[in-house]
């Protein structure tokens, strides 16, 4: 019984000492985990993740494929899927192609309606809390605090 209690306590302490715990994925795995449903009859659009839910933490571990400064933001693509990328606020001078990184994000839900001409659409998204404007219901660049170097 003491051994089980020690293992549980060690796991909790390790999580506190060594960083955030959550579902770990590459960028490609994360994108493949997403699923969308468009219902043109009922004017609904949903986007969810198969293995993530509202309130979950996702840790993206990948290698930077390319870096591009676009205006006041930095656009990074990743080795596991170089066709997709992420915008970060500012010039990430310490991050370059070939760097191994982890990005810690939190999954949240946003549900809203928008009217386009005569159609009113209902949207239900699981999104990354750090990269979403909940008032405007649209993506925003991620803060640099979510990305860190790893070995």
Protein backbone atom coordinates (compact mmCIF):
# COMPACT_ATOMS: atom_id res chain seq x y z
CA UNK A 1 0.00 0.00 0.00
CA UNK A 2 2.86 2.39 0.83
CA UNK A 3 4.42 1.66 -2.57
CA UNK A 4 1.20 2.62 -4.41
CA UNK A 5 0.88 5.84 -2.41
CA UNK A 6 4.52 6.67 -3.20
CA UNK A 7 4.04 6.07 -6.93
CA UNK A 8 0.95 8.30 -7.01
CA UNK A 9 2.71 11.05 -5.04
CA UNK A 10 5.83 10.79 -7.24
CA UNK A 11 3.70 11.13 -10.36
CA UNK A 12 2.00 14.26 -9.02
CA UNK A 13 5.30 15.81 -7.92
CA UNK A 14 6.94 14.98 -11.27
CA UNK A 15 4.12 16.77 -13.07
CA UNK A 16 4.63 19.84 -10.91
CA UNK A 17 8.41 19.84 -11.19
CA UNK A 18 8.83 18.97 -14.83
CA UNK A 19 6.06 21.02 -16.36
CA UNK A 20 2.53 20.77 -17.54
CA UNK A 21 0.87 17.45 -18.18
CA UNK A 22 -1.53 16.84 -21.00
CA UNK A 23 -2.10 14.98 -24.24
CA UNK A 24 1.15 15.03 -26.21
CA UNK A 25 1.04 15.18 -30.03
CA UNK A 26 2.99 16.36 -33.04
CA UNK A 27 1.44 19.07 -35.20
CA UNK A 28 0.45 16.45 -37.77
CA UNK A 29 -1.18 14.22 -35.14
CA UNK A 30 -3.11 17.21 -33.81
CA UNK A 31 -4.41 18.18 -37.24
CA UNK A 32 -5.40 14.58 -38.02
CA UNK A 33 -7.23 14.45 -34.68
CA UNK A 34 -9.57 17.27 -35.73
CA UNK A 35 -12.95 16.57 -37.29
CA UNK A 36 -15.40 18.96 -38.86
CA UNK A 37 -19.05 18.60 -39.70
CA UNK A 38 -20.86 20.98 -42.07
CA UNK A 39 -24.65 20.67 -42.24
CA UNK A 40 -25.81 22.85 -45.14
CA UNK A 41 -29.50 22.04 -44.51
CA UNK A 42 -29.53 23.19 -40.89
CA UNK A 43 -26.72 25.75 -41.28
CA UNK A 44 -24.48 24.30 -38.59
CA UNK A 45 -20.71 23.92 -38.50
CA UNK A 46 -18.88 21.99 -35.80
CA UNK A 47 -15.17 21.38 -35.27
CA UNK A 48 -14.00 19.02 -32.55
CA UNK A 49 -11.04 16.86 -31.69
CA UNK A 50 -11.41 13.09 -31.44
CA UNK A 51 -9.16 12.72 -28.39
CA UNK A 52 -9.38 16.18 -26.80
CA UNK A 53 -12.19 17.90 -24.93
CA UNK A 54 -13.02 21.30 -23.49
CA UNK A 55 -10.67 21.87 -20.55
CA UNK A 56 -7.91 19.54 -21.80
CA UNK A 57 -4.29 20.58 -22.19
CA UNK A 58 -2.47 19.61 -25.37
CA UNK A 59 1.32 19.62 -25.64
CA UNK A 60 2.56 19.88 -29.21
CA UNK A 61 6.11 18.52 -29.51
CA UNK A 62 7.68 19.02 -32.91
CA UNK A 63 10.63 20.48 -34.78
CA UNK A 64 10.40 23.85 -36.51
CA UNK A 65 10.51 23.39 -40.29
CA UNK A 66 10.48 27.06 -41.29
CA UNK A 67 10.20 30.52 -39.81
CA UNK A 68 8.83 33.60 -41.51
CA UNK A 69 8.35 37.09 -40.10
CA UNK A 70 5.05 38.49 -41.38
CA UNK A 71 4.43 42.05 -40.24
CA UNK A 72 4.51 42.05 -36.45
CA UNK A 73 4.06 38.27 -36.18
CA UNK A 74 6.13 35.13 -36.68
CA UNK A 75 4.77 32.23 -38.72
CA UNK A 76 6.21 28.79 -37.92
CA UNK A 77 5.71 25.52 -39.77
CA UNK A 78 6.68 22.13 -38.35
CA UNK A 79 8.52 19.03 -39.58
CA UNK A 80 5.63 16.62 -38.99
CA UNK A 81 3.39 18.63 -41.33
CA UNK A 82 5.07 21.55 -43.06
CA UNK A 83 1.88 22.59 -44.88
CA UNK A 84 0.34 23.86 -41.64
CA UNK A 85 1.65 26.50 -39.31
CA UNK A 86 0.99 28.83 -36.43
CA UNK A 87 1.23 32.59 -36.01
CA UNK A 88 2.89 33.96 -32.88
CA UNK A 89 2.82 37.54 -31.64
CA UNK A 90 6.07 39.40 -32.34
CA UNK A 91 9.41 38.34 -33.75
CA UNK A 92 10.46 35.04 -32.18
CA UNK A 93 14.19 35.70 -32.52
CA UNK A 94 15.18 32.71 -30.34
CA UNK A 95 13.34 30.15 -32.49
CA UNK A 96 14.62 28.89 -35.85
CA UNK A 97 14.29 26.02 -38.31
CA UNK A 98 15.62 22.82 -36.75
CA UNK A 99 14.75 23.79 -33.17
CA UNK A 100 12.82 21.19 -31.17
CA UNK A 101 9.93 22.86 -29.36
CA UNK A 102 6.91 22.20 -27.22
CA UNK A 103 3.78 24.32 -27.37
CA UNK A 104 1.32 24.10 -24.48
CA UNK A 105 -2.29 24.99 -25.32
CA UNK A 106 -5.66 24.63 -23.65
CA UNK A 107 -8.78 23.40 -25.39
CA UNK A 108 -11.90 25.54 -24.96
CA UNK A 109 -15.30 25.62 -26.60
CA UNK A 110 -16.86 28.57 -28.41
CA UNK A 111 -20.47 28.42 -29.61
CA UNK A 112 -21.97 31.31 -31.55
CA UNK A 113 -24.17 32.30 -34.49
CA UNK A 114 -23.36 34.48 -37.50
CA UNK A 115 -25.58 35.68 -40.30
CA UNK A 116 -24.39 35.57 -43.89
CA UNK A 117 -26.97 37.19 -46.17
CA UNK A 118 -30.26 35.36 -45.52
CA UNK A 119 -28.61 32.42 -43.71
CA UNK A 120 -27.90 32.26 -40.00
CA UNK A 121 -25.24 29.70 -39.20
CA UNK A 122 -24.58 28.09 -35.81
CA UNK A 123 -20.94 27.37 -34.98
CA UNK A 124 -19.61 25.06 -32.29
CA UNK A 125 -15.80 24.92 -32.06
CA UNK A 126 -13.24 23.28 -29.85
CA UNK A 127 -10.41 25.78 -30.16
CA UNK A 128 -7.08 26.72 -28.60
CA UNK A 129 -7.88 29.18 -25.83
CA UNK A 130 -4.57 31.05 -26.23
CA UNK A 131 -5.14 31.65 -29.95
CA UNK A 132 -8.79 32.68 -30.03
CA UNK A 133 -10.69 35.95 -29.64
CA UNK A 134 -13.89 34.92 -27.87
CA UNK A 135 -15.54 38.32 -28.49
CA UNK A 136 -14.94 38.33 -32.26
CA UNK A 137 -15.06 34.51 -32.59
CA UNK A 138 -11.90 34.32 -34.65
CA UNK A 139 -8.28 33.15 -34.40
CA UNK A 140 -5.52 35.44 -33.14
CA UNK A 141 -1.73 34.93 -33.02
CA UNK A 142 -0.48 32.86 -30.11
CA UNK A 143 1.48 34.56 -27.32
CA UNK A 144 5.19 33.63 -27.31
CA UNK A 145 4.80 32.34 -23.74
CA UNK A 146 3.21 29.10 -25.07
CA UNK A 147 6.32 27.93 -26.97
CA UNK A 148 9.52 26.61 -25.36
CA UNK A 149 12.69 24.88 -26.52
CA UNK A 150 13.10 21.18 -25.64
CA UNK A 151 15.94 18.71 -26.12
